[in-house]
Full PDB file with SEQRES, HELIX, SHEET, SSBOND, CRYST1, ORIGX, SCALE, CONECT and MASTER records, all heavy atoms in Angstrom:
SEQRES   1 A   42  ILE ILE ILE ASP GLU ARG ASN GLU THR ASN VAL LYS GLY          
SEQRES   2 A   42  VAL PHE ALA ALA GLY ASP CYS THR THR VAL PRO TYR LYS          
SEQRES   3 A   42  GLN ILE ILE ILE ALA THR GLY GLU GLY ALA LYS ALA ALA          
SEQRES   4 A   42  LEU SER ALA                                                  
HELIX    1 AA1 ILE A   28  SER A   41  1                                  14    
CRYST1    1.000    1.000    1.000  90.00  90.00  90.00 P 1           1          
ORIGX1      1.000000  0.000000  0.000000        0.00000                         
ORIGX2      0.000000  1.000000  0.000000        0.00000                         
ORIGX3      0.000000  0.000000  1.000000        0.00000                         
SCALE1      1.000000  0.000000  0.000000        0.00000                         
SCALE2      0.000000  1.000000  0.000000        0.00000                         
SCALE3      0.000000  0.000000  1.000000        0.00000                         
ATOM      1  N   ILE A   1     261.102  36.244 180.865  1.00  0.00           N  
ATOM      2  CA  ILE A   1     260.685  37.259 179.904  1.00  0.00           C  
ATOM      3  C   ILE A   1     259.682  38.180 180.590  1.00  0.00           C  
ATOM      4  O   ILE A   1     258.666  37.719 181.110  1.00  0.00           O  
ATOM      5  CB  ILE A   1     260.035  36.618 178.659  1.00  0.00           C  
ATOM      6  CG1 ILE A   1     261.008  35.632 177.995  1.00  0.00           C  
ATOM      7  CG2 ILE A   1     259.591  37.690 177.666  1.00  0.00           C  
ATOM      8  CD1 ILE A   1     260.336  34.716 176.978  1.00  0.00           C  
ATOM      9  N   ILE A   2     259.966  39.460 180.573  1.00  0.00           N  
ATOM     10  CA  ILE A   2     259.078  40.438 181.211  1.00  0.00           C  
ATOM     11  C   ILE A   2     257.909  40.708 180.276  1.00  0.00           C  
ATOM     12  O   ILE A   2     258.095  41.072 179.118  1.00  0.00           O  
ATOM     13  CB  ILE A   2     259.837  41.739 181.534  1.00  0.00           C  
ATOM     14  CG1 ILE A   2     260.981  41.432 182.509  1.00  0.00           C  
ATOM     15  CG2 ILE A   2     258.888  42.792 182.102  1.00  0.00           C  
ATOM     16  CD1 ILE A   2     261.942  42.589 182.731  1.00  0.00           C  
ATOM     17  N   ILE A   3     256.681  40.491 180.812  1.00  0.00           N  
ATOM     18  CA  ILE A   3     255.466  40.697 180.022  1.00  0.00           C  
ATOM     19  C   ILE A   3     254.512  41.621 180.761  1.00  0.00           C  
ATOM     20  O   ILE A   3     254.614  41.784 181.981  1.00  0.00           O  
ATOM     21  CB  ILE A   3     254.753  39.371 179.703  1.00  0.00           C  
ATOM     22  CG1 ILE A   3     254.399  38.611 180.991  1.00  0.00           C  
ATOM     23  CG2 ILE A   3     255.571  38.513 178.747  1.00  0.00           C  
ATOM     24  CD1 ILE A   3     253.496  37.401 180.792  1.00  0.00           C  
ATOM     25  N   ASP A   4     253.577  42.201 179.999  1.00  0.00           N  
ATOM     26  CA  ASP A   4     252.531  42.992 180.635  1.00  0.00           C  
ATOM     27  C   ASP A   4     251.275  42.137 180.795  1.00  0.00           C  
ATOM     28  O   ASP A   4     251.317  40.915 180.577  1.00  0.00           O  
ATOM     29  CB  ASP A   4     252.255  44.278 179.839  1.00  0.00           C  
ATOM     30  CG  ASP A   4     251.691  44.031 178.449  1.00  0.00           C  
ATOM     31  OD1 ASP A   4     251.235  42.899 178.141  1.00  0.00           O  
ATOM     32  OD2 ASP A   4     251.687  44.984 177.646  1.00  0.00           O  
ATOM     33  N   GLU A   5     250.162  42.773 181.177  1.00  0.00           N  
ATOM     34  CA  GLU A   5     248.925  42.019 181.436  1.00  0.00           C  
ATOM     35  C   GLU A   5     248.348  41.366 180.183  1.00  0.00           C  
ATOM     36  O   GLU A   5     247.482  40.499 180.280  1.00  0.00           O  
ATOM     37  CB  GLU A   5     247.875  42.921 182.104  1.00  0.00           C  
ATOM     38  CG  GLU A   5     247.329  44.017 181.228  1.00  0.00           C  
ATOM     39  CD  GLU A   5     248.236  45.256 181.120  1.00  0.00           C  
ATOM     40  OE1 GLU A   5     249.267  45.316 181.801  1.00  0.00           O  
ATOM     41  OE2 GLU A   5     247.890  46.158 180.335  1.00  0.00           O  
ATOM     42  N   ARG A   6     248.824  41.753 179.013  1.00  0.00           N  
ATOM     43  CA  ARG A   6     248.367  41.147 177.751  1.00  0.00           C  
ATOM     44  C   ARG A   6     249.423  40.197 177.172  1.00  0.00           C  
ATOM     45  O   ARG A   6     249.341  39.808 176.021  1.00  0.00           O  
ATOM     46  CB  ARG A   6     248.005  42.237 176.746  1.00  0.00           C  
ATOM     47  CG  ARG A   6     246.823  43.093 177.195  1.00  0.00           C  
ATOM     48  CD  ARG A   6     246.562  44.276 176.280  1.00  0.00           C  
ATOM     49  NE  ARG A   6     246.485  43.926 174.866  1.00  0.00           N  
ATOM     50  CZ  ARG A   6     245.378  43.487 174.257  1.00  0.00           C  
ATOM     51  NH1 ARG A   6     244.264  43.343 174.950  1.00  0.00           N  
ATOM     52  NH2 ARG A   6     245.396  43.198 172.978  1.00  0.00           N  
ATOM     53  N   ASN A   7     250.431  39.886 177.969  1.00  0.00           N  
ATOM     54  CA  ASN A   7     251.520  38.980 177.585  1.00  0.00           C  
ATOM     55  C   ASN A   7     252.449  39.569 176.521  1.00  0.00           C  
ATOM     56  O   ASN A   7     253.192  38.850 175.872  1.00  0.00           O  
ATOM     57  CB  ASN A   7     250.999  37.618 177.107  1.00  0.00           C  
ATOM     58  CG  ASN A   7     250.338  36.851 178.209  1.00  0.00           C  
ATOM     59  OD1 ASN A   7     249.203  37.159 178.590  1.00  0.00           O  
ATOM     60  ND2 ASN A   7     251.031  35.881 178.755  1.00  0.00           N  
ATOM     61  N   GLU A   8     252.407  40.891 176.347  1.00  0.00           N  
ATOM     62  CA  GLU A   8     253.292  41.516 175.369  1.00  0.00           C  
ATOM     63  C   GLU A   8     254.626  41.839 176.033  1.00  0.00           C  
ATOM     64  O   GLU A   8     254.680  42.250 177.192  1.00  0.00           O  
ATOM     65  CB  GLU A   8     252.676  42.784 174.799  1.00  0.00           C  
ATOM     66  CG  GLU A   8     253.438  43.312 173.589  1.00  0.00           C  
ATOM     67  CD  GLU A   8     252.672  44.381 172.819  1.00  0.00           C  
ATOM     68  OE1 GLU A   8     251.717  44.980 173.366  1.00  0.00           O  
ATOM     69  OE2 GLU A   8     253.028  44.612 171.651  1.00  0.00           O  
ATOM     70  N   THR A   9     255.690  41.649 175.283  1.00  0.00           N  
ATOM     71  CA  THR A   9     257.030  41.986 175.762  1.00  0.00           C  
ATOM     72  C   THR A   9     257.283  43.462 175.476  1.00  0.00           C  
ATOM     73  O   THR A   9     256.403  44.172 174.994  1.00  0.00           O  
ATOM     74  CB  THR A   9     258.091  41.135 175.037  1.00  0.00           C  
ATOM     75  OG1 THR A   9     258.130  41.515 173.655  1.00  0.00           O  
ATOM     76  CG2 THR A   9     257.791  39.644 175.163  1.00  0.00           C  
ATOM     77  N   ASN A  10     258.491  43.917 175.724  1.00  0.00           N  
ATOM     78  CA  ASN A  10     258.854  45.292 175.409  1.00  0.00           C  
ATOM     79  C   ASN A  10     258.970  45.534 173.907  1.00  0.00           C  
ATOM     80  O   ASN A  10     259.021  46.673 173.455  1.00  0.00           O  
ATOM     81  CB  ASN A  10     260.175  45.673 176.100  1.00  0.00           C  
ATOM     82  CG  ASN A  10     261.350  44.870 175.570  1.00  0.00           C  
ATOM     83  OD1 ASN A  10     261.346  43.636 175.632  1.00  0.00           O  
ATOM     84  ND2 ASN A  10     262.352  45.542 175.068  1.00  0.00           N  
ATOM     85  N   VAL A  11     258.957  44.469 173.112  1.00  0.00           N  
ATOM     86  CA  VAL A  11     259.008  44.587 171.659  1.00  0.00           C  
ATOM     87  C   VAL A  11     257.587  44.493 171.128  1.00  0.00           C  
ATOM     88  O   VAL A  11     256.911  43.471 171.317  1.00  0.00           O  
ATOM     89  CB  VAL A  11     259.896  43.468 171.044  1.00  0.00           C  
ATOM     90  CG1 VAL A  11     259.901  43.568 169.522  1.00  0.00           C  
ATOM     91  CG2 VAL A  11     261.315  43.544 171.605  1.00  0.00           C  
ATOM     92  N   LYS A  12     257.112  45.559 170.490  1.00  0.00           N  
ATOM     93  CA  LYS A  12     255.741  45.580 169.982  1.00  0.00           C  
ATOM     94  C   LYS A  12     255.501  44.407 169.052  1.00  0.00           C  
ATOM     95  O   LYS A  12     256.293  44.109 168.168  1.00  0.00           O  
ATOM     96  CB  LYS A  12     255.464  46.889 169.233  1.00  0.00           C  
ATOM     97  CG  LYS A  12     255.400  48.094 170.136  1.00  0.00           C  
ATOM     98  CD  LYS A  12     254.206  48.008 171.052  1.00  0.00           C  
ATOM     99  CE  LYS A  12     254.149  49.166 172.009  1.00  0.00           C  
ATOM    100  NZ  LYS A  12     253.396  48.878 173.200  1.00  0.00           N  
ATOM    101  N   GLY A  13     254.396  43.695 169.301  1.00  0.00           N  
ATOM    102  CA  GLY A  13     254.017  42.556 168.463  1.00  0.00           C  
ATOM    103  C   GLY A  13     254.663  41.240 168.856  1.00  0.00           C  
ATOM    104  O   GLY A  13     254.421  40.221 168.220  1.00  0.00           O  
ATOM    105  N   VAL A  14     255.479  41.246 169.920  1.00  0.00           N  
ATOM    106  CA  VAL A  14     256.107  40.007 170.396  1.00  0.00           C  
ATOM    107  C   VAL A  14     255.479  39.663 171.750  1.00  0.00           C  
ATOM    108  O   VAL A  14     255.538  40.457 172.691  1.00  0.00           O  
ATOM    109  CB  VAL A  14     257.637  40.150 170.528  1.00  0.00           C  
ATOM    110  CG1 VAL A  14     258.246  38.880 171.119  1.00  0.00           C  
ATOM    111  CG2 VAL A  14     258.253  40.465 169.169  1.00  0.00           C  
ATOM    112  N   PHE A  15     254.893  38.473 171.823  1.00  0.00           N  
ATOM    113  CA  PHE A  15     254.175  38.026 173.003  1.00  0.00           C  
ATOM    114  C   PHE A  15     254.842  36.766 173.549  1.00  0.00           C  
ATOM    115  O   PHE A  15     255.479  36.026 172.817  1.00  0.00           O  
ATOM    116  CB  PHE A  15     252.710  37.750 172.651  1.00  0.00           C  
ATOM    117  CG  PHE A  15     252.000  38.970 172.128  1.00  0.00           C  
ATOM    118  CD1 PHE A  15     252.101  39.342 170.803  1.00  0.00           C  
ATOM    119  CD2 PHE A  15     251.267  39.762 172.997  1.00  0.00           C  
ATOM    120  CE1 PHE A  15     251.470  40.484 170.327  1.00  0.00           C  
ATOM    121  CE2 PHE A  15     250.628  40.909 172.536  1.00  0.00           C  
ATOM    122  CZ  PHE A  15     250.730  41.267 171.198  1.00  0.00           C  
ATOM    123  N   ALA A  16     254.659  36.529 174.837  1.00  0.00           N  
ATOM    124  CA  ALA A  16     255.257  35.344 175.471  1.00  0.00           C  
ATOM    125  C   ALA A  16     254.300  34.806 176.519  1.00  0.00           C  
ATOM    126  O   ALA A  16     253.455  35.530 177.050  1.00  0.00           O  
ATOM    127  CB  ALA A  16     256.592  35.707 176.111  1.00  0.00           C  
ATOM    128  N   ALA A  17     254.440  33.515 176.814  1.00  0.00           N  
ATOM    129  CA  ALA A  17     253.576  32.884 177.805  1.00  0.00           C  
ATOM    130  C   ALA A  17     254.295  31.710 178.436  1.00  0.00           C  
ATOM    131  O   ALA A  17     255.235  31.156 177.868  1.00  0.00           O  
ATOM    132  CB  ALA A  17     252.272  32.403 177.162  1.00  0.00           C  
ATOM    133  N   GLY A  18     253.832  31.335 179.627  1.00  0.00           N  
ATOM    134  CA  GLY A  18     254.330  30.132 180.280  1.00  0.00           C  
ATOM    135  C   GLY A  18     255.339  30.405 181.369  1.00  0.00           C  
ATOM    136  O   GLY A  18     255.528  31.539 181.809  1.00  0.00           O  
ATOM    137  N   ASP A  19     255.989  29.361 181.806  1.00  0.00           N  
ATOM    138  CA  ASP A  19     256.906  29.431 182.940  1.00  0.00           C  
ATOM    139  C   ASP A  19     258.148  30.263 182.662  1.00  0.00           C  
ATOM    140  O   ASP A  19     258.867  30.609 183.582  1.00  0.00           O  
ATOM    141  CB  ASP A  19     257.325  28.031 183.374  1.00  0.00           C  
ATOM    142  CG  ASP A  19     256.189  27.245 184.003  1.00  0.00           C  
ATOM    143  OD1 ASP A  19     255.085  27.813 184.163  1.00  0.00           O  
ATOM    144  OD2 ASP A  19     256.402  26.066 184.321  1.00  0.00           O  
ATOM    145  N   CYS A  20     258.424  30.581 181.402  1.00  0.00           N  
ATOM    146  CA  CYS A  20     259.589  31.397 181.057  1.00  0.00           C  
ATOM    147  C   CYS A  20     259.313  32.881 181.219  1.00  0.00           C  
ATOM    148  O   CYS A  20     260.190  33.710 180.987  1.00  0.00           O  
ATOM    149  CB  CYS A  20     260.070  31.092 179.644  1.00  0.00           C  
ATOM    150  SG  CYS A  20     258.860  31.546 178.378  1.00  0.00           S  
ATOM    151  N   THR A  21     258.085  33.259 181.625  1.00  0.00           N  
ATOM    152  CA  THR A  21     257.727  34.661 181.773  1.00  0.00           C  
ATOM    153  C   THR A  21     257.642  35.044 183.238  1.00  0.00           C  
ATOM    154  O   THR A  21     257.768  34.203 184.128  1.00  0.00           O  
ATOM    155  CB  THR A  21     256.361  34.953 181.109  1.00  0.00           C  
ATOM    156  OG1 THR A  21     255.329  34.305 181.848  1.00  0.00           O  
ATOM    157  CG2 THR A  21     256.340  34.504 179.647  1.00  0.00           C  
ATOM    158  N   THR A  22     257.365  36.321 183.471  1.00  0.00           N  
ATOM    159  CA  THR A  22     257.264  36.838 184.832  1.00  0.00           C  
ATOM    160  C   THR A  22     255.921  36.543 185.488  1.00  0.00           C  
ATOM    161  O   THR A  22     255.689  36.976 186.615  1.00  0.00           O  
ATOM    162  CB  THR A  22     257.488  38.367 184.841  1.00  0.00           C  
ATOM    163  OG1 THR A  22     256.612  38.973 183.872  1.00  0.00           O  
ATOM    164  CG2 THR A  22     258.934  38.710 184.525  1.00  0.00           C  
ATOM    165  N   VAL A  23     255.058  35.805 184.828  1.00  0.00           N  
ATOM    166  CA  VAL A  23     253.768  35.461 185.444  1.00  0.00           C  
ATOM    167  C   VAL A  23     254.030  34.643 186.715  1.00  0.00           C  
ATOM    168  O   VAL A  23     254.893  33.757 186.727  1.00  0.00           O  
ATOM    169  CB  VAL A  23     252.853  34.708 184.449  1.00  0.00           C  
ATOM    170  CG1 VAL A  23     253.372  33.317 184.148  1.00  0.00           C  
ATOM    171  CG2 VAL A  23     251.436  34.631 184.953  1.00  0.00           C  
ATOM    172  N   PRO A  24     253.333  34.964 187.803  1.00  0.00           N  
ATOM    173  CA  PRO A  24     253.546  34.187 189.036  1.00  0.00           C  
ATOM    174  C   PRO A  24     252.896  32.810 188.962  1.00  0.00           C  
ATOM    175  O   PRO A  24     252.080  32.551 188.077  1.00  0.00           O  
ATOM    176  CB  PRO A  24     252.892  35.057 190.113  1.00  0.00           C  
ATOM    177  CG  PRO A  24     251.857  35.844 189.395  1.00  0.00           C  
ATOM    178  CD  PRO A  24     252.379  36.062 187.988  1.00  0.00           C  
ATOM    179  N   TYR A  25     253.246  31.964 189.893  1.00  0.00           N  
ATOM    180  CA  TYR A  25     252.653  30.641 190.048  1.00  0.00           C  
ATOM    181  C   TYR A  25     252.918  29.760 188.824  1.00  0.00           C  
ATOM    182  O   TYR A  25     252.092  29.613 187.943  1.00  0.00           O  
ATOM    183  CB  TYR A  25     251.153  30.714 190.345  1.00  0.00           C  
ATOM    184  CG  TYR A  25     250.815  31.706 191.416  1.00  0.00           C  
ATOM    185  CD1 TYR A  25     250.040  32.820 191.154  1.00  0.00           C  
ATOM    186  CD2 TYR A  25     251.331  31.552 192.703  1.00  0.00           C  
ATOM    187  CE1 TYR A  25     249.750  33.745 192.148  1.00  0.00           C  
ATOM    188  CE2 TYR A  25     251.054  32.470 193.702  1.00  0.00           C  
ATOM    189  CZ  TYR A  25     250.257  33.570 193.412  1.00  0.00           C  
ATOM    190  OH  TYR A  25     249.988  34.487 194.385  1.00  0.00           O  
ATOM    191  N   LYS A  26     254.078  29.175 188.794  1.00  0.00           N  
ATOM    192  CA  LYS A  26     254.499  28.331 187.680  1.00  0.00           C  
ATOM    193  C   LYS A  26     253.785  26.984 187.764  1.00  0.00           C  
ATOM    194  O   LYS A  26     254.235  26.065 188.441  1.00  0.00           O  
ATOM    195  CB  LYS A  26     256.013  28.130 187.702  1.00  0.00           C  
ATOM    196  CG  LYS A  26     256.836  29.394 187.833  1.00  0.00           C  
ATOM    197  CD  LYS A  26     256.629  30.363 186.698  1.00  0.00           C  
ATOM    198  CE  LYS A  26     257.647  31.498 186.810  1.00  0.00           C  
ATOM    199  NZ  LYS A  26     257.270  32.675 186.120  1.00  0.00           N  
ATOM    200  N   GLN A  27     252.646  26.901 187.128  1.00  0.00           N  
ATOM    201  CA  GLN A  27     251.828  25.692 187.114  1.00  0.00           C  
ATOM    202  C   GLN A  27     251.330  25.448 185.693  1.00  0.00           C  
ATOM    203  O   GLN A  27     251.108  26.400 184.948  1.00  0.00           O  
ATOM    204  CB  GLN A  27     250.624  25.836 188.051  1.00  0.00           C  
ATOM    205  CG  GLN A  27     250.984  26.075 189.500  1.00  0.00           C  
ATOM    206  CD  GLN A  27     251.575  24.842 190.147  1.00  0.00           C  
ATOM    207  OE1 GLN A  27     251.151  23.727 189.904  1.00  0.00           O  
ATOM    208  NE2 GLN A  27     252.592  25.026 190.976  1.00  0.00           N  
ATOM    209  N   ILE A  28     251.140  24.203 185.328  1.00  0.00           N  
ATOM    210  CA  ILE A  28     250.699  23.852 183.974  1.00  0.00           C  
ATOM    211  C   ILE A  28     249.394  24.556 183.620  1.00  0.00           C  
ATOM    212  O   ILE A  28     249.270  25.123 182.531  1.00  0.00           O  
ATOM    213  CB  ILE A  28     250.562  22.324 183.822  1.00  0.00           C  
ATOM    214  CG1 ILE A  28     251.938  21.669 183.893  1.00  0.00           C  
ATOM    215  CG2 ILE A  28     249.865  21.972 182.514  1.00  0.00           C  
ATOM    216  CD1 ILE A  28     251.896  20.160 183.984  1.00  0.00           C  
ATOM    217  N   ILE A  29     248.432  24.536 184.505  1.00  0.00           N  
ATOM    218  CA  ILE A  29     247.133  25.119 184.204  1.00  0.00           C  
ATOM    219  C   ILE A  29     247.248  26.625 183.970  1.00  0.00           C  
ATOM    220  O   ILE A  29     246.571  27.191 183.112  1.00  0.00           O  
ATOM    221  CB  ILE A  29     246.094  24.788 185.303  1.00  0.00           C  
ATOM    222  CG1 ILE A  29     244.678  25.175 184.861  1.00  0.00           C  
ATOM    223  CG2 ILE A  29     246.446  25.451 186.611  1.00  0.00           C  
ATOM    224  CD1 ILE A  29     244.141  24.355 183.750  1.00  0.00           C  
ATOM    225  N   ILE A  30     248.131  27.290 184.698  1.00  0.00           N  
ATOM    226  CA  ILE A  30     248.332  28.729 184.517  1.00  0.00           C  
ATOM    227  C   ILE A  30     249.049  28.997 183.206  1.00  0.00           C  
ATOM    228  O   ILE A  30     248.669  29.891 182.450  1.00  0.00           O  
ATOM    229  CB  ILE A  30     249.077  29.324 185.728  1.00  0.00           C  
ATOM    230  CG1 ILE A  30     248.163  29.256 186.949  1.00  0.00           C  
ATOM    231  CG2 ILE A  30     249.539  30.754 185.454  1.00  0.00           C  
ATOM    232  CD1 ILE A  30     248.812  29.585 188.254  1.00  0.00           C  
ATOM    233  N   ALA A  31     250.069  28.206 182.899  1.00  0.00           N  
ATOM    234  CA  ALA A  31     250.786  28.380 181.630  1.00  0.00           C  
ATOM    235  C   ALA A  31     249.855  28.164 180.444  1.00  0.00           C  
ATOM    236  O   ALA A  31     249.951  28.875 179.440  1.00  0.00           O  
ATOM    237  CB  ALA A  31     251.968  27.411 181.561  1.00  0.00           C  
ATOM    238  N   THR A  32     248.934  27.219 180.556  1.00  0.00           N  
ATOM    239  CA  THR A  32     247.971  26.971 179.483  1.00  0.00           C  
ATOM    240  C   THR A  32     247.084  28.189 179.272  1.00  0.00           C  
ATOM    241  O   THR A  32     246.875  28.631 178.133  1.00  0.00           O  
ATOM    242  CB  THR A  32     247.105  25.733 179.827  1.00  0.00           C  
ATOM    243  OG1 THR A  32     247.977  24.625 180.037  1.00  0.00           O  
ATOM    244  CG2 THR A  32     246.149  25.409 178.713  1.00  0.00           C  
ATOM    245  N   GLY A  33     246.557  28.726 180.344  1.00  0.00           N  
ATOM    246  CA  GLY A  33     245.731  29.929 180.243  1.00  0.00           C  
ATOM    247  C   GLY A  33     246.507  31.109 179.701  1.00  0.00           C  
ATOM    248  O   GLY A  33     245.993  31.886 178.884  1.00  0.00           O  
ATOM    249  N   GLU A  34     247.744  31.270 180.128  1.00  0.00           N  
ATOM    250  CA  GLU A  34     248.586  32.353 179.644  1.00  0.00           C  
ATOM    251  C   GLU A  34     248.873  32.195 178.145  1.00  0.00           C  
ATOM    252  O   GLU A  34     248.972  33.179 177.410  1.00  0.00           O  
ATOM    253  CB  GLU A  34     249.899  32.409 180.423  1.00  0.00           C  
ATOM    254  CG  GLU A  34     249.727  32.906 181.842  1.00  0.00           C  
ATOM    255  CD  GLU A  34     249.308  34.357 181.915  1.00  0.00           C  
ATOM    256  OE1 GLU A  34     250.018  35.229 181.369  1.00  0.00           O  
ATOM    257  OE2 GLU A  34     248.261  34.626 182.516  1.00  0.00           O  
ATOM    258  N   GLY A  35     249.007  30.951 177.687  1.00  0.00           N  
ATOM    259  CA  GLY A  35     249.202  30.715 176.249  1.00  0.00           C  
ATOM    260  C   GLY A  35     247.994  31.162 175.446  1.00  0.00           C  
ATOM    261  O   GLY A  35     248.126  31.793 174.383  1.00  0.00           O  
ATOM    262  N   ALA A  36     246.802  30.859 175.951  1.00  0.00           N  
ATOM    263  CA  ALA A  36     245.576  31.300 175.280  1.00  0.00           C  
ATOM    264  C   ALA A  36     245.506  32.814 175.264  1.00  0.00           C  
ATOM    265  O   ALA A  36     245.155  33.433 174.249  1.00  0.00           O  
ATOM    266  CB  ALA A  36     244.358  30.694 175.972  1.00  0.00           C  
ATOM    267  N   LYS A  37     245.852  33.433 176.390  1.00  0.00           N  
ATOM    268  CA  LYS A  37     245.811  34.895 176.482  1.00  0.00           C  
ATOM    269  C   LYS A  37     246.819  35.533 175.513  1.00  0.00           C  
ATOM    270  O   LYS A  37     246.504  36.509 174.834  1.00  0.00           O  
ATOM    271  CB  LYS A  37     246.097  35.312 177.924  1.00  0.00           C  
ATOM    272  CG  LYS A  37     245.782  36.768 178.201  1.00  0.00           C  
ATOM    273  CD  LYS A  37     245.773  37.065 179.689  1.00  0.00           C  
ATOM    274  CE  LYS A  37     247.158  37.145 180.244  1.00  0.00           C  
ATOM    275  NZ  LYS A  37     247.234  37.629 181.619  1.00  0.00           N  
ATOM    276  N   ALA A  38     248.022  34.980 175.439  1.00  0.00           N  
ATOM    277  CA  ALA A  38     249.040  35.501 174.518  1.00  0.00           C  
ATOM    278  C   ALA A  38     248.588  35.349 173.066  1.00  0.00           C  
ATOM    279  O   ALA A  38     248.774  36.260 172.250  1.00  0.00           O  
ATOM    280  CB  ALA A  38     250.371  34.782 174.738  1.00  0.00           C  
ATOM    281  N   ALA A  39     247.967  34.218 172.744  1.00  0.00           N  
ATOM    282  CA  ALA A  39     247.478  34.008 171.372  1.00  0.00           C  
ATOM    283  C   ALA A  39     246.392  35.014 171.022  1.00  0.00           C  
ATOM    284  O   ALA A  39     246.386  35.584 169.916  1.00  0.00           O  
ATOM    285  CB  ALA A  39     246.966  32.581 171.214  1.00  0.00           C  
ATOM    286  N   LEU A  40     245.462  35.240 171.942  1.00  0.00           N  
ATOM    287  CA  LEU A  40     244.400  36.224 171.699  1.00  0.00           C  
ATOM    288  C   LEU A  40     244.971  37.636 171.584  1.00  0.00           C  
ATOM    289  O   LEU A  40     244.534  38.429 170.733  1.00  0.00           O  
ATOM    290  CB  LEU A  40     243.347  36.158 172.806  1.00  0.00           C  
ATOM    291  CG  LEU A  40     242.491  34.896 172.796  1.00  0.00           C  
ATOM    292  CD1 LEU A  40     241.689  34.798 174.100  1.00  0.00           C  
ATOM    293  CD2 LEU A  40     241.586  34.854 171.587  1.00  0.00           C  
ATOM    294  N   SER A  41     245.954  37.954 172.395  1.00  0.00           N  
ATOM    295  CA  SER A  41     246.592  39.270 172.323  1.00  0.00           C  
ATOM    296  C   SER A  41     247.345  39.437 171.008  1.00  0.00           C  
ATOM    297  O   SER A  41     247.271  40.514 170.382  1.00  0.00           O  
ATOM    298  CB  SER A  41     247.557  39.465 173.494  1.00  0.00           C  
ATOM    299  OG  SER A  41     246.854  39.497 174.722  1.00  0.00           O  
ATOM    300  N   ALA A  42     248.023  38.405 170.563  1.00  0.00           N  
ATOM    301  CA  ALA A  42     248.728  38.465 169.272  1.00  0.00           C  
ATOM    302  C   ALA A  42     247.733  38.620 168.131  1.00  0.00           C  
ATOM    303  O   ALA A  42     247.942  39.419 167.207  1.00  0.00           O  
ATOM    304  CB  ALA A  42     249.582  37.211 169.087  1.00  0.00           C  
TER     305      ALA A  42                                                      
MASTER        0    0    0    1    0    0    0    6  304    1    0    4          
END                                                                             
């Protein structure tokens, strides 16, 4: 899933996080942080 720096997709109001996104370094600790970031952005 292509996301921006706030974890938003191309669809306004739809956010994504974790290993299924374009975020580099597929690691649990990174996915956890990305989940928090996506929740705050949402």
